[in-house]
Each structure stands twice: as C-alpha cells, then as structure tokens.
Amino acid sequence: MAAAGRPDLIVGTVSVTIGILLLWLRARLGTPGHLVAGVLLVIVPAALAAALAGNALTAATGLATGAILLGSAIAGVRWLASQHPNRSTP
C-alpha cells in the first residue's frame, strides 16, 4: 500500500517510523541525541508533507532525514568518545 494512495509519502512514513524507534531507544537506553533526532524525524516529515508534494516532497524528506540521521550519528560518536576516552599506552 503506497502510503494511502500517495507514493510521495513513503519516504516520510519510513522517517516517522525511524523517529518513533529512536524515541523508544531513548526511553530504554537513556542515550542523548535519540530524543532530538526522534522528535525531528516525526515533526519534519509531517511539516514537509503539509508544504510540498510529489517529487519535491520525496527529495526534501530524504535529504532532511539523511541530515538528521547523520547529525545523530555524529552526536552519538562524540558521546561515546567522551565516555570512553582513548588511553595512550606507555
């Protein structure tokens, strides 16, 4: 089923699903970044769907989702690095 008859909503539907997963992970693991990324992945596709349609919606949602996930990954790596600093060997 193509997102209730609008194939341009498929990428947004996947983004919202990932956002909900990240919100669940935040609740279970308590990791920073998941909350922000999860909220953004729910709100941004909805806002874009209200403003755009067709190929423009698909492209904008894909780019926004990629940017949000990249930012979340960078924040996660930085958080992990701060929790487990590299130790130099003597």
PDB file of N, CA and C in Angstrom:
ATOM      1  N   MET A   1       0.857  -1.176   0.000  1.00  0.00           N
ATOM      2  CA  MET A   1       0.000   0.000   0.000  1.00  0.00           C
ATOM      3  C   MET A   1       0.899   1.233   0.000  1.00  0.00           C
ATOM      4  N   ALA A   2       0.731   2.067  -0.946  1.00  0.00           N
ATOM      5  CA  ALA A   2       1.604   3.228  -1.139  1.00  0.00           C
ATOM      6  C   ALA A   2       1.164   4.411  -0.291  1.00  0.00           C
ATOM      7  N   ALA A   3       1.315   4.292   1.008  1.00  0.00           N
ATOM      8  CA  ALA A   3       1.009   5.383   1.947  1.00  0.00           C
ATOM      9  C   ALA A   3      -0.336   6.027   1.646  1.00  0.00           C
ATOM     10  N   ALA A   4      -1.375   5.216   1.653  1.00  0.00           N
ATOM     11  CA  ALA A   4      -2.756   5.667   1.456  1.00  0.00           C
ATOM     12  C   ALA A   4      -2.954   6.360   0.110  1.00  0.00           C
ATOM     13  N   GLY A   5      -2.378   5.795  -0.953  1.00  0.00           N
ATOM     14  CA  GLY A   5      -2.598   6.329  -2.291  1.00  0.00           C
ATOM     15  C   GLY A   5      -1.669   7.449  -2.711  1.00  0.00           C
ATOM     16  N   ARG A   6      -0.737   7.829  -1.878  1.00  0.00           N
ATOM     17  CA  ARG A   6       0.217   8.887  -2.229  1.00  0.00           C
ATOM     18  C   ARG A   6       1.629   8.348  -2.104  1.00  0.00           C
ATOM     19  N   PRO A   7       2.197   7.896  -3.221  1.00  0.00           N
ATOM     20  CA  PRO A   7       3.539   7.317  -3.158  1.00  0.00           C
ATOM     21  C   PRO A   7       4.602   8.300  -2.677  1.00  0.00           C
ATOM     22  N   ASP A   8       4.348   9.589  -2.775  1.00  0.00           N
ATOM     23  CA  ASP A   8       5.325  10.575  -2.301  1.00  0.00           C
ATOM     24  C   ASP A   8       5.419  10.613  -0.780  1.00  0.00           C
ATOM     25  N   LEU A   9       4.525   9.925  -0.085  1.00  0.00           N
ATOM     26  CA  LEU A   9       4.562   9.891   1.379  1.00  0.00           C
ATOM     27  C   LEU A   9       5.342   8.703   1.936  1.00  0.00           C
ATOM     28  N   ILE A  10       5.838   7.832   1.063  1.00  0.00           N
ATOM     29  CA  ILE A  10       6.516   6.628   1.540  1.00  0.00           C
ATOM     30  C   ILE A  10       7.784   6.978   2.323  1.00  0.00           C
ATOM     31  N   VAL A  11       8.613   7.860   1.808  1.00  0.00           N
ATOM     32  CA  VAL A  11       9.857   8.223   2.499  1.00  0.00           C
ATOM     33  C   VAL A  11       9.530   8.870   3.847  1.00  0.00           C
ATOM     34  N   GLY A  12       8.524   9.709   3.887  1.00  0.00           N
ATOM     35  CA  GLY A  12       8.116  10.337   5.142  1.00  0.00           C
ATOM     36  C   GLY A  12       7.598   9.328   6.152  1.00  0.00           C
ATOM     37  N   THR A  13       6.874   8.327   5.674  1.00  0.00           N
ATOM     38  CA  THR A  13       6.366   7.286   6.566  1.00  0.00           C
ATOM     39  C   THR A  13       7.507   6.491   7.178  1.00  0.00           C
ATOM     40  N   VAL A  14       8.509   6.174   6.375  1.00  0.00           N
ATOM     41  CA  VAL A  14       9.681   5.468   6.888  1.00  0.00           C
ATOM     42  C   VAL A  14      10.425   6.349   7.891  1.00  0.00           C
ATOM     43  N   SER A  15      10.550   7.637   7.601  1.00  0.00           N
ATOM     44  CA  SER A  15      11.230   8.563   8.512  1.00  0.00           C
ATOM     45  C   SER A  15      10.520   8.648   9.860  1.00  0.00           C
ATOM     46  N   VAL A  16       9.214   8.737   9.823  1.00  0.00           N
ATOM     47  CA  VAL A  16       8.443   8.801  11.075  1.00  0.00           C
ATOM     48  C   VAL A  16       8.608   7.503  11.856  1.00  0.00           C
ATOM     49  N   THR A  17       8.622   6.373  11.169  1.00  0.00           N
ATOM     50  CA  THR A  17       8.814   5.085  11.835  1.00  0.00           C
ATOM     51  C   THR A  17      10.180   5.024  12.513  1.00  0.00           C
ATOM     52  N   ILE A  18      11.219   5.494  11.841  1.00  0.00           N
ATOM     53  CA  ILE A  18      12.557   5.541  12.437  1.00  0.00           C
ATOM     54  C   ILE A  18      12.562   6.494  13.638  1.00  0.00           C
ATOM     55  N   GLY A  19      11.859   7.632  13.516  1.00  0.00           N
ATOM     56  CA  GLY A  19      11.764   8.579  14.629  1.00  0.00           C
ATOM     57  C   GLY A  19      11.129   7.959  15.857  1.00  0.00           C
ATOM     58  N   ILE A  20      10.072   7.193  15.656  1.00  0.00           N
ATOM     59  CA  ILE A  20       9.415   6.523  16.779  1.00  0.00           C
ATOM     60  C   ILE A  20      10.361   5.497  17.404  1.00  0.00           C
ATOM     61  N   LEU A  21      11.116   4.783  16.575  1.00  0.00           N
ATOM     62  CA  LEU A  21      12.102   3.830  17.089  1.00  0.00           C
ATOM     63  C   LEU A  21      13.166   4.539  17.929  1.00  0.00           C
ATOM     64  N   LEU A  22      13.635   5.686  17.455  1.00  0.00           N
ATOM     65  CA  LEU A  22      14.652   6.423  18.208  1.00  0.00           C
ATOM     66  C   LEU A  22      14.095   6.935  19.536  1.00  0.00           C
ATOM     67  N   LEU A  23      12.849   7.343  19.551  1.00  0.00           N
ATOM     68  CA  LEU A  23      12.230   7.771  20.811  1.00  0.00           C
ATOM     69  C   LEU A  23      12.133   6.602  21.786  1.00  0.00           C
ATOM     70  N   TRP A  24      11.823   5.423  21.278  1.00  0.00           N
ATOM     71  CA  TRP A  24      11.772   4.235  22.121  1.00  0.00           C
ATOM     72  C   TRP A  24      13.169   3.911  22.652  1.00  0.00           C
ATOM     73  N   LEU A  25      14.183   4.003  21.773  1.00  0.00           N
ATOM     74  CA  LEU A  25      15.561   3.752  22.215  1.00  0.00           C
ATOM     75  C   LEU A  25      15.985   4.736  23.297  1.00  0.00           C
ATOM     76  N   ARG A  26      15.580   5.977  23.163  1.00  0.00           N
ATOM     77  CA  ARG A  26      15.904   6.997  24.181  1.00  0.00           C
ATOM     78  C   ARG A  26      15.318   6.593  25.528  1.00  0.00           C
ATOM     79  N   ALA A  27      14.086   6.108  25.497  1.00  0.00           N
ATOM     80  CA  ALA A  27      13.434   5.701  26.740  1.00  0.00           C
ATOM     81  C   ALA A  27      14.112   4.479  27.350  1.00  0.00           C
ATOM     82  N   ARG A  28      14.569   3.547  26.520  1.00  0.00           N
ATOM     83  CA  ARG A  28      15.176   2.313  27.010  1.00  0.00           C
ATOM     84  C   ARG A  28      16.639   2.482  27.417  1.00  0.00           C
ATOM     85  N   LEU A  29      17.407   3.260  26.622  1.00  0.00           N
ATOM     86  CA  LEU A  29      18.844   3.340  26.834  1.00  0.00           C
ATOM     87  C   LEU A  29      19.306   4.619  27.523  1.00  0.00           C
ATOM     88  N   GLY A  30      18.517   5.667  27.422  1.00  0.00           N
ATOM     89  CA  GLY A  30      18.893   6.931  28.034  1.00  0.00           C
ATOM     90  C   GLY A  30      20.044   7.631  27.331  1.00  0.00           C
ATOM     91  N   THR A  31      20.224   7.379  26.059  1.00  0.00           N
ATOM     92  CA  THR A  31      21.322   7.991  25.318  1.00  0.00           C
ATOM     93  C   THR A  31      20.916   9.354  24.782  1.00  0.00           C
ATOM     94  N   PRO A  32      21.821  10.307  24.822  1.00  0.00           N
ATOM     95  CA  PRO A  32      21.492  11.625  24.289  1.00  0.00           C
ATOM     96  C   PRO A  32      21.460  11.581  22.770  1.00  0.00           C
ATOM     97  N   GLY A  33      20.779  12.498  22.182  1.00  0.00           N
ATOM     98  CA  GLY A  33      20.710  12.549  20.727  1.00  0.00           C
ATOM     99  C   GLY A  33      19.518  11.807  20.169  1.00  0.00           C
ATOM    100  N   HIS A  34      19.148  10.697  20.795  1.00  0.00           N
ATOM    101  CA  HIS A  34      17.998   9.956  20.295  1.00  0.00           C
ATOM    102  C   HIS A  34      16.707  10.758  20.458  1.00  0.00           C
ATOM    103  N   LEU A  35      16.618  11.511  21.522  1.00  0.00           N
ATOM    104  CA  LEU A  35      15.412  12.308  21.744  1.00  0.00           C
ATOM    105  C   LEU A  35      15.261  13.371  20.669  1.00  0.00           C
ATOM    106  N   VAL A  36      16.301  14.123  20.436  1.00  0.00           N
ATOM    107  CA  VAL A  36      16.248  15.199  19.433  1.00  0.00           C
ATOM    108  C   VAL A  36      15.998  14.629  18.044  1.00  0.00           C
ATOM    109  N   ALA A  37      16.760  13.597  17.685  1.00  0.00           N
ATOM    110  CA  ALA A  37      16.611  13.001  16.357  1.00  0.00           C
ATOM    111  C   ALA A  37      15.216  12.397  16.198  1.00  0.00           C
ATOM    112  N   GLY A  38      14.722  11.725  17.230  1.00  0.00           N
ATOM    113  CA  GLY A  38      13.398  11.122  17.157  1.00  0.00           C
ATOM    114  C   GLY A  38      12.299  12.153  16.959  1.00  0.00           C
ATOM    115  N   VAL A  39      12.365  13.218  17.719  1.00  0.00           N
ATOM    116  CA  VAL A  39      11.352  14.278  17.582  1.00  0.00           C
ATOM    117  C   VAL A  39      11.439  14.918  16.198  1.00  0.00           C
ATOM    118  N   LEU A  40      12.656  15.201  15.750  1.00  0.00           N
ATOM    119  CA  LEU A  40      12.810  15.803  14.421  1.00  0.00           C
ATOM    120  C   LEU A  40      12.315  14.871  13.317  1.00  0.00           C
ATOM    121  N   LEU A  41      12.558  13.568  13.461  1.00  0.00           N
ATOM    122  CA  LEU A  41      12.115  12.627  12.433  1.00  0.00           C
ATOM    123  C   LEU A  41      10.609  12.405  12.440  1.00  0.00           C
ATOM    124  N   VAL A  42       9.936  12.862  13.449  1.00  0.00           N
ATOM    125  CA  VAL A  42       8.471  12.821  13.455  1.00  0.00           C
ATOM    126  C   VAL A  42       7.904  14.141  12.938  1.00  0.00           C
ATOM    127  N   ILE A  43       8.478  15.260  13.361  1.00  0.00           N
ATOM    128  CA  ILE A  43       7.925  16.576  13.025  1.00  0.00           C
ATOM    129  C   ILE A  43       8.281  17.021  11.609  1.00  0.00           C
ATOM    130  N   VAL A  44       9.545  16.874  11.220  1.00  0.00           N
ATOM    131  CA  VAL A  44       9.996  17.408   9.918  1.00  0.00           C
ATOM    132  C   VAL A  44       9.256  16.765   8.740  1.00  0.00           C
ATOM    133  N   PRO A  45       9.129  15.430   8.659  1.00  0.00           N
ATOM    134  CA  PRO A  45       8.382  14.870   7.526  1.00  0.00           C
ATOM    135  C   PRO A  45       6.914  15.310   7.496  1.00  0.00           C
ATOM    136  N   ALA A  46       6.317  15.468   8.665  1.00  0.00           N
ATOM    137  CA  ALA A  46       4.929  15.928   8.708  1.00  0.00           C
ATOM    138  C   ALA A  46       4.821  17.358   8.183  1.00  0.00           C
ATOM    139  N   ALA A  47       5.752  18.203   8.581  1.00  0.00           N
ATOM    140  CA  ALA A  47       5.736  19.591   8.110  1.00  0.00           C
ATOM    141  C   ALA A  47       6.003  19.657   6.605  1.00  0.00           C
ATOM    142  N   LEU A  48       6.937  18.850   6.138  1.00  0.00           N
ATOM    143  CA  LEU A  48       7.230  18.842   4.703  1.00  0.00           C
ATOM    144  C   LEU A  48       6.046  18.323   3.900  1.00  0.00           C
ATOM    145  N   ALA A  49       5.335  17.324   4.425  1.00  0.00           N
ATOM    146  CA  ALA A  49       4.157  16.790   3.734  1.00  0.00           C
ATOM    147  C   ALA A  49       3.049  17.831   3.635  1.00  0.00           C
ATOM    148  N   ALA A  50       2.987  18.717   4.616  1.00  0.00           N
ATOM    149  CA  ALA A  50       1.980  19.777   4.575  1.00  0.00           C
ATOM    150  C   ALA A  50       2.358  20.873   3.575  1.00  0.00           C
ATOM    151  N   ALA A  51       3.656  21.014   3.292  1.00  0.00           N
ATOM    152  CA  ALA A  51       4.113  22.111   2.446  1.00  0.00           C
ATOM    153  C   ALA A  51       4.416  21.698   1.006  1.00  0.00           C
ATOM    154  N   LEU A  52       4.784  20.439   0.795  1.00  0.00           N
ATOM    155  CA  LEU A  52       5.236  20.003  -0.521  1.00  0.00           C
ATOM    156  C   LEU A  52       4.445  18.792  -0.994  1.00  0.00           C
ATOM    157  N   ALA A  53       4.637  18.441  -2.255  1.00  0.00           N
ATOM    158  CA  ALA A  53       4.008  17.244  -2.816  1.00  0.00           C
ATOM    159  C   ALA A  53       4.874  16.708  -3.944  1.00  0.00           C
ATOM    160  N   GLY A  54       4.638  15.466  -4.316  1.00  0.00           N
ATOM    161  CA  GLY A  54       5.314  14.866  -5.455  1.00  0.00           C
ATOM    162  C   GLY A  54       6.794  14.634  -5.224  1.00  0.00           C
ATOM    163  N   ASN A  55       7.561  14.781  -6.309  1.00  0.00           N
ATOM    164  CA  ASN A  55       8.999  14.532  -6.242  1.00  0.00           C
ATOM    165  C   ASN A  55       9.715  15.488  -5.301  1.00  0.00           C
ATOM    166  N   ALA A  56       9.236  16.709  -5.189  1.00  0.00           N
ATOM    167  CA  ALA A  56       9.854  17.671  -4.272  1.00  0.00           C
ATOM    168  C   ALA A  56       9.732  17.196  -2.835  1.00  0.00           C
ATOM    169  N   LEU A  57       8.594  16.632  -2.487  1.00  0.00           N
ATOM    170  CA  LEU A  57       8.395  16.107  -1.132  1.00  0.00           C
ATOM    171  C   LEU A  57       9.327  14.931  -0.875  1.00  0.00           C
ATOM    172  N   THR A  58       9.418  14.027  -1.837  1.00  0.00           N
ATOM    173  CA  THR A  58      10.281  12.858  -1.679  1.00  0.00           C
ATOM    174  C   THR A  58      11.736  13.278  -1.498  1.00  0.00           C
ATOM    175  N   ALA A  59      12.205  14.192  -2.338  1.00  0.00           N
ATOM    176  CA  ALA A  59      13.591  14.643  -2.265  1.00  0.00           C
ATOM    177  C   ALA A  59      13.867  15.389  -0.963  1.00  0.00           C
ATOM    178  N   ALA A  60      13.008  16.312  -0.594  1.00  0.00           N
ATOM    179  CA  ALA A  60      13.216  17.104   0.622  1.00  0.00           C
ATOM    180  C   ALA A  60      13.184  16.223   1.863  1.00  0.00           C
ATOM    181  N   THR A  61      12.254  15.283   1.905  1.00  0.00           N
ATOM    182  CA  THR A  61      12.153  14.400   3.065  1.00  0.00           C
ATOM    183  C   THR A  61      13.374  13.494   3.161  1.00  0.00           C
ATOM    184  N   GLY A  62      13.831  12.975   2.029  1.00  0.00           N
ATOM    185  CA  GLY A  62      15.021  12.124   2.034  1.00  0.00           C
ATOM    186  C   GLY A  62      16.260  12.877   2.490  1.00  0.00           C
ATOM    187  N   LEU A  63      16.435  14.083   1.986  1.00  0.00           N
ATOM    188  CA  LEU A  63      17.591  14.892   2.386  1.00  0.00           C
ATOM    189  C   LEU A  63      17.524  15.287   3.861  1.00  0.00           C
ATOM    190  N   ALA A  64      16.352  15.683   4.314  1.00  0.00           N
ATOM    191  CA  ALA A  64      16.196  16.066   5.724  1.00  0.00           C
ATOM    192  C   ALA A  64      16.431  14.869   6.639  1.00  0.00           C
ATOM    193  N   THR A  65      15.902  13.722   6.266  1.00  0.00           N
ATOM    194  CA  THR A  65      16.098  12.514   7.070  1.00  0.00           C
ATOM    195  C   THR A  65      17.576  12.145   7.137  1.00  0.00           C
ATOM    196  N   GLY A  66      18.251  12.202   5.997  1.00  0.00           N
ATOM    197  CA  GLY A  66      19.678  11.909   5.967  1.00  0.00           C
ATOM    198  C   GLY A  66      20.475  12.853   6.847  1.00  0.00           C
ATOM    199  N   ALA A  67      20.148  14.134   6.794  1.00  0.00           N
ATOM    200  CA  ALA A  67      20.867  15.124   7.608  1.00  0.00           C
ATOM    201  C   ALA A  67      20.618  14.893   9.098  1.00  0.00           C
ATOM    202  N   ILE A  68      19.388  14.581   9.462  1.00  0.00           N
ATOM    203  CA  ILE A  68      19.060  14.333  10.869  1.00  0.00           C
ATOM    204  C   ILE A  68      19.783  13.088  11.372  1.00  0.00           C
ATOM    205  N   LEU A  69      19.782  12.024  10.581  1.00  0.00           N
ATOM    206  CA  LEU A  69      20.452  10.792  10.998  1.00  0.00           C
ATOM    207  C   LEU A  69      21.965  10.961  11.063  1.00  0.00           C
ATOM    208  N   LEU A  70      22.534  11.719  10.132  1.00  0.00           N
ATOM    209  CA  LEU A  70      23.967  11.988  10.168  1.00  0.00           C
ATOM    210  C   LEU A  70      24.335  12.782  11.421  1.00  0.00           C
ATOM    211  N   GLY A  71      23.541  13.804  11.725  1.00  0.00           N
ATOM    212  CA  GLY A  71      23.778  14.586  12.941  1.00  0.00           C
ATOM    213  C   GLY A  71      23.659  13.737  14.190  1.00  0.00           C
ATOM    214  N   SER A  72      22.696  12.834  14.213  1.00  0.00           N
ATOM    215  CA  SER A  72      22.522  11.948  15.353  1.00  0.00           C
ATOM    216  C   SER A  72      23.708  10.997  15.496  1.00  0.00           C
ATOM    217  N   ALA A  73      24.200  10.487  14.375  1.00  0.00           N
ATOM    218  CA  ALA A  73      25.353   9.589  14.415  1.00  0.00           C
ATOM    219  C   ALA A  73      26.602  10.315  14.918  1.00  0.00           C
ATOM    220  N   ILE A  74      26.813  11.527  14.447  1.00  0.00           N
ATOM    221  CA  ILE A  74      27.975  12.311  14.904  1.00  0.00           C
ATOM    222  C   ILE A  74      27.869  12.590  16.402  1.00  0.00           C
ATOM    223  N   ALA A  75      26.677  12.966  16.855  1.00  0.00           N
ATOM    224  CA  ALA A  75      26.482  13.217  18.290  1.00  0.00           C
ATOM    225  C   ALA A  75      26.724  11.945  19.096  1.00  0.00           C
ATOM    226  N   GLY A  76      26.284  10.804  18.591  1.00  0.00           N
ATOM    227  CA  GLY A  76      26.491   9.544  19.287  1.00  0.00           C
ATOM    228  C   GLY A  76      27.951   9.162  19.387  1.00  0.00           C
ATOM    229  N   VAL A  77      28.691   9.353  18.307  1.00  0.00           N
ATOM    230  CA  VAL A  77      30.118   9.043  18.320  1.00  0.00           C
ATOM    231  C   VAL A  77      30.847   9.959  19.298  1.00  0.00           C
ATOM    232  N   ARG A  78      30.505  11.222  19.299  1.00  0.00           N
ATOM    233  CA  ARG A  78      31.134  12.155  20.242  1.00  0.00           C
ATOM    234  C   ARG A  78      30.808  11.796  21.680  1.00  0.00           C
ATOM    235  N   TRP A  79      29.570  11.382  21.926  1.00  0.00           N
ATOM    236  CA  TRP A  79      29.171  10.982  23.272  1.00  0.00           C
ATOM    237  C   TRP A  79      29.949   9.748  23.707  1.00  0.00           C
ATOM    238  N   LEU A  80      30.069   8.766  22.807  1.00  0.00           N
ATOM    239  CA  LEU A  80      30.833   7.567  23.137  1.00  0.00           C
ATOM    240  C   LEU A  80      32.291   7.895  23.405  1.00  0.00           C
ATOM    241  N   ALA A  81      32.866   8.787  22.616  1.00  0.00           N
ATOM    242  CA  ALA A  81      34.260   9.171  22.808  1.00  0.00           C
ATOM    243  C   ALA A  81      34.463   9.867  24.157  1.00  0.00           C
ATOM    244  N   SER A  82      33.497  10.626  24.592  1.00  0.00           N
ATOM    245  CA  SER A  82      33.626  11.304  25.882  1.00  0.00           C
ATOM    246  C   SER A  82      33.446  10.331  27.052  1.00  0.00           C
ATOM    247  N   GLN A  83      32.721   9.249  26.830  1.00  0.00           N
ATOM    248  CA  GLN A  83      32.504   8.253  27.874  1.00  0.00           C
ATOM    249  C   GLN A  83      33.688   7.294  28.011  1.00  0.00           C
ATOM    250  N   HIS A  84      34.369   7.053  26.905  1.00  0.00           N
ATOM    251  CA  HIS A  84      35.488   6.114  26.883  1.00  0.00           C
ATOM    252  C   HIS A  84      36.681   6.767  26.182  1.00  0.00           C
ATOM    253  N   PRO A  85      37.354   7.684  26.865  1.00  0.00           N
ATOM    254  CA  PRO A  85      38.477   8.367  26.211  1.00  0.00           C
ATOM    255  C   PRO A  85      39.601   7.377  25.900  1.00  0.00           C
ATOM    256  N   ASN A  86      40.286   7.617  24.802  1.00  0.00           N
ATOM    257  CA  ASN A  86      41.422   6.779  24.417  1.00  0.00           C
ATOM    258  C   ASN A  86      42.539   6.962  25.432  1.00  0.00           C
ATOM    259  N   ARG A  87      43.113   5.875  25.815  1.00  0.00           N
ATOM    260  CA  ARG A  87      44.228   5.927  26.742  1.00  0.00           C
ATOM    261  C   ARG A  87      45.492   5.588  25.969  1.00  0.00           C
ATOM    262  N   SER A  88      46.502   6.395  26.157  1.00  0.00           N
ATOM    263  CA  SER A  88      47.762   6.113  25.477  1.00  0.00           C
ATOM    264  C   SER A  88      48.513   5.039  26.263  1.00  0.00           C
ATOM    265  N   THR A  89      49.123   4.148  25.535  1.00  0.00           N
ATOM    266  CA  THR A  89      49.882   3.095  26.194  1.00  0.00           C
ATOM    267  C   THR A  89      51.319   3.564  26.453  1.00  0.00           C
ATOM    268  N   PRO A  90      51.883   3.158  27.588  1.00  0.00           N
ATOM    269  CA  PRO A  90      53.236   3.620  27.925  1.00  0.00           C
ATOM    270  C   PRO A  90      54.290   2.998  27.039  1.00  0.00           C
TER     271      PRO A  90
END
